[in-house]
């Protein structure tokens, strides 16, 4: 492999401000802002809008869609439900 064609892969802190959660990983993402991590080192920090700590699916706060209720609402609004069609 040619080294000059490879992206810079380095430690980066991703921070979810809405959940107050941050984690250190390796990435090609860059940032001008830095943060001092628990190990005393300074790393670039990238703020994200959502992470596994704030995503409804991973936190168990996901909405479930009541499909039966939607079908009943449709039938009440537009009639139907007799299954006969047009004759």
C-alpha atoms as a PDB file:
ATOM      1  CA  UNK A   1       0.000   0.000   0.000  1.00  0.00           C
ATOM      2  CA  UNK A   2       1.077   3.538  -0.606  1.00  0.00           C
ATOM      3  CA  UNK A   3       1.189   5.480   2.646  1.00  0.00           C
ATOM      4  CA  UNK A   4       0.485   8.875   1.089  1.00  0.00           C
ATOM      5  CA  UNK A   5      -2.945   7.659  -0.085  1.00  0.00           C
ATOM      6  CA  UNK A   6      -4.096   6.428   3.328  1.00  0.00           C
ATOM      7  CA  UNK A   7      -6.160   8.740   5.560  1.00  0.00           C
ATOM      8  CA  UNK A   8      -4.852   9.832   8.953  1.00  0.00           C
ATOM      9  CA  UNK A   9      -6.288   7.310  11.446  1.00  0.00           C
ATOM     10  CA  UNK A  10      -5.924   8.601  15.006  1.00  0.00           C
ATOM     11  CA  UNK A  11      -7.630   8.609  18.448  1.00  0.00           C
ATOM     12  CA  UNK A  12     -10.731  10.837  18.599  1.00  0.00           C
ATOM     13  CA  UNK A  13     -13.314  11.485  21.319  1.00  0.00           C
ATOM     14  CA  UNK A  14     -16.949  11.456  20.177  1.00  0.00           C
ATOM     15  CA  UNK A  15     -19.219  13.363  22.564  1.00  0.00           C
ATOM     16  CA  UNK A  16     -23.028  13.242  22.770  1.00  0.00           C
ATOM     17  CA  UNK A  17     -23.870  16.450  24.612  1.00  0.00           C
ATOM     18  CA  UNK A  18     -27.584  15.637  24.986  1.00  0.00           C
ATOM     19  CA  UNK A  19     -26.793  12.477  26.967  1.00  0.00           C
ATOM     20  CA  UNK A  20     -23.596  13.681  28.634  1.00  0.00           C
ATOM     21  CA  UNK A  21     -21.744  10.704  27.166  1.00  0.00           C
ATOM     22  CA  UNK A  22     -18.346  10.550  25.466  1.00  0.00           C
ATOM     23  CA  UNK A  23     -16.167   7.716  24.213  1.00  0.00           C
ATOM     24  CA  UNK A  24     -12.659   7.433  22.871  1.00  0.00           C
ATOM     25  CA  UNK A  25     -12.089   5.522  19.656  1.00  0.00           C
ATOM     26  CA  UNK A  26      -9.957   5.693  16.537  1.00  0.00           C
ATOM     27  CA  UNK A  27     -11.248   7.517  13.472  1.00  0.00           C
ATOM     28  CA  UNK A  28     -10.317   9.600  10.451  1.00  0.00           C
ATOM     29  CA  UNK A  29     -12.614  12.420  11.667  1.00  0.00           C
ATOM     30  CA  UNK A  30     -10.919  15.694  12.481  1.00  0.00           C
ATOM     31  CA  UNK A  31     -11.798  18.652  14.676  1.00  0.00           C
ATOM     32  CA  UNK A  32     -10.230  21.914  15.800  1.00  0.00           C
ATOM     33  CA  UNK A  33     -11.612  21.458  19.322  1.00  0.00           C
ATOM     34  CA  UNK A  34      -9.829  19.283  21.864  1.00  0.00           C
ATOM     35  CA  UNK A  35     -10.658  17.672  25.184  1.00  0.00           C
ATOM     36  CA  UNK A  36      -8.528  16.293  27.981  1.00  0.00           C
ATOM     37  CA  UNK A  37      -9.430  12.646  28.483  1.00  0.00           C
ATOM     38  CA  UNK A  38      -9.288  10.554  31.690  1.00  0.00           C
ATOM     39  CA  UNK A  39      -5.792   9.329  30.872  1.00  0.00           C
ATOM     40  CA  UNK A  40      -4.445  12.904  30.919  1.00  0.00           C
ATOM     41  CA  UNK A  41      -3.928  13.062  27.143  1.00  0.00           C
ATOM     42  CA  UNK A  42      -5.544  15.675  24.909  1.00  0.00           C
ATOM     43  CA  UNK A  43      -7.586  14.407  21.948  1.00  0.00           C
ATOM     44  CA  UNK A  44      -9.671  16.047  19.218  1.00  0.00           C
ATOM     45  CA  UNK A  45     -13.375  16.011  20.115  1.00  0.00           C
ATOM     46  CA  UNK A  46     -16.283  15.626  17.674  1.00  0.00           C
ATOM     47  CA  UNK A  47     -19.771  16.506  18.943  1.00  0.00           C
ATOM     48  CA  UNK A  48     -22.546  14.263  17.650  1.00  0.00           C
ATOM     49  CA  UNK A  49     -26.295  14.821  17.836  1.00  0.00           C
ATOM     50  CA  UNK A  50     -27.187  11.265  18.747  1.00  0.00           C
ATOM     51  CA  UNK A  51     -25.378   8.187  20.029  1.00  0.00           C
ATOM     52  CA  UNK A  52     -26.309   4.837  21.526  1.00  0.00           C
ATOM     53  CA  UNK A  53     -26.869   6.620  24.860  1.00  0.00           C
ATOM     54  CA  UNK A  54     -29.554   8.930  23.470  1.00  0.00           C
ATOM     55  CA  UNK A  55     -31.028   6.978  20.528  1.00  0.00           C
ATOM     56  CA  UNK A  56     -34.607   5.829  21.286  1.00  0.00           C
ATOM     57  CA  UNK A  57     -34.015   2.322  19.912  1.00  0.00           C
ATOM     58  CA  UNK A  58     -31.032   1.628  22.159  1.00  0.00           C
ATOM     59  CA  UNK A  59     -32.475   3.321  25.249  1.00  0.00           C
ATOM     60  CA  UNK A  60     -35.765   1.393  25.070  1.00  0.00           C
ATOM     61  CA  UNK A  61     -37.849   4.513  24.533  1.00  0.00           C
ATOM     62  CA  UNK A  62     -38.749   3.719  20.936  1.00  0.00           C
ATOM     63  CA  UNK A  63     -42.316   4.283  19.836  1.00  0.00           C
ATOM     64  CA  UNK A  64     -44.203   1.263  18.617  1.00  0.00           C
ATOM     65  CA  UNK A  65     -46.673   1.777  15.810  1.00  0.00           C
ATOM     66  CA  UNK A  66     -50.152   0.415  16.452  1.00  0.00           C
ATOM     67  CA  UNK A  67     -50.967  -0.887  12.975  1.00  0.00           C
ATOM     68  CA  UNK A  68     -54.302  -2.386  13.981  1.00  0.00           C
ATOM     69  CA  UNK A  69     -55.418   0.974  15.332  1.00  0.00           C
ATOM     70  CA  UNK A  70     -54.388   2.707  12.115  1.00  0.00           C
ATOM     71  CA  UNK A  71     -56.365   0.268   9.991  1.00  0.00           C
ATOM     72  CA  UNK A  72     -59.454   0.698  12.179  1.00  0.00           C
ATOM     73  CA  UNK A  73     -59.053   4.493  11.982  1.00  0.00           C
ATOM     74  CA  UNK A  74     -58.812   4.297   8.172  1.00  0.00           C
ATOM     75  CA  UNK A  75     -61.959   2.154   7.970  1.00  0.00           C
ATOM     76  CA  UNK A  76     -63.875   4.533  10.246  1.00  0.00           C
ATOM     77  CA  UNK A  77     -62.798   7.530   8.215  1.00  0.00           C
ATOM     78  CA  UNK A  78     -63.300   6.159   4.705  1.00  0.00           C
ATOM     79  CA  UNK A  79     -65.765   3.345   5.295  1.00  0.00           C
ATOM     80  CA  UNK A  80     -65.083  -0.117   4.040  1.00  0.00           C
ATOM     81  CA  UNK A  81     -64.327  -3.179   6.006  1.00  0.00           C
ATOM     82  CA  UNK A  82     -67.053  -5.169   4.235  1.00  0.00           C
ATOM     83  CA  UNK A  83     -64.534  -6.661   1.790  1.00  0.00           C
ATOM     84  CA  UNK A  84     -67.111  -6.683  -1.009  1.00  0.00           C
ATOM     85  CA  UNK A  85     -65.551  -4.206  -3.365  1.00  0.00           C
ATOM     86  CA  UNK A  86     -67.664  -2.778  -6.207  1.00  0.00           C
ATOM     87  CA  UNK A  87     -70.343  -4.839  -7.955  1.00  0.00           C
END
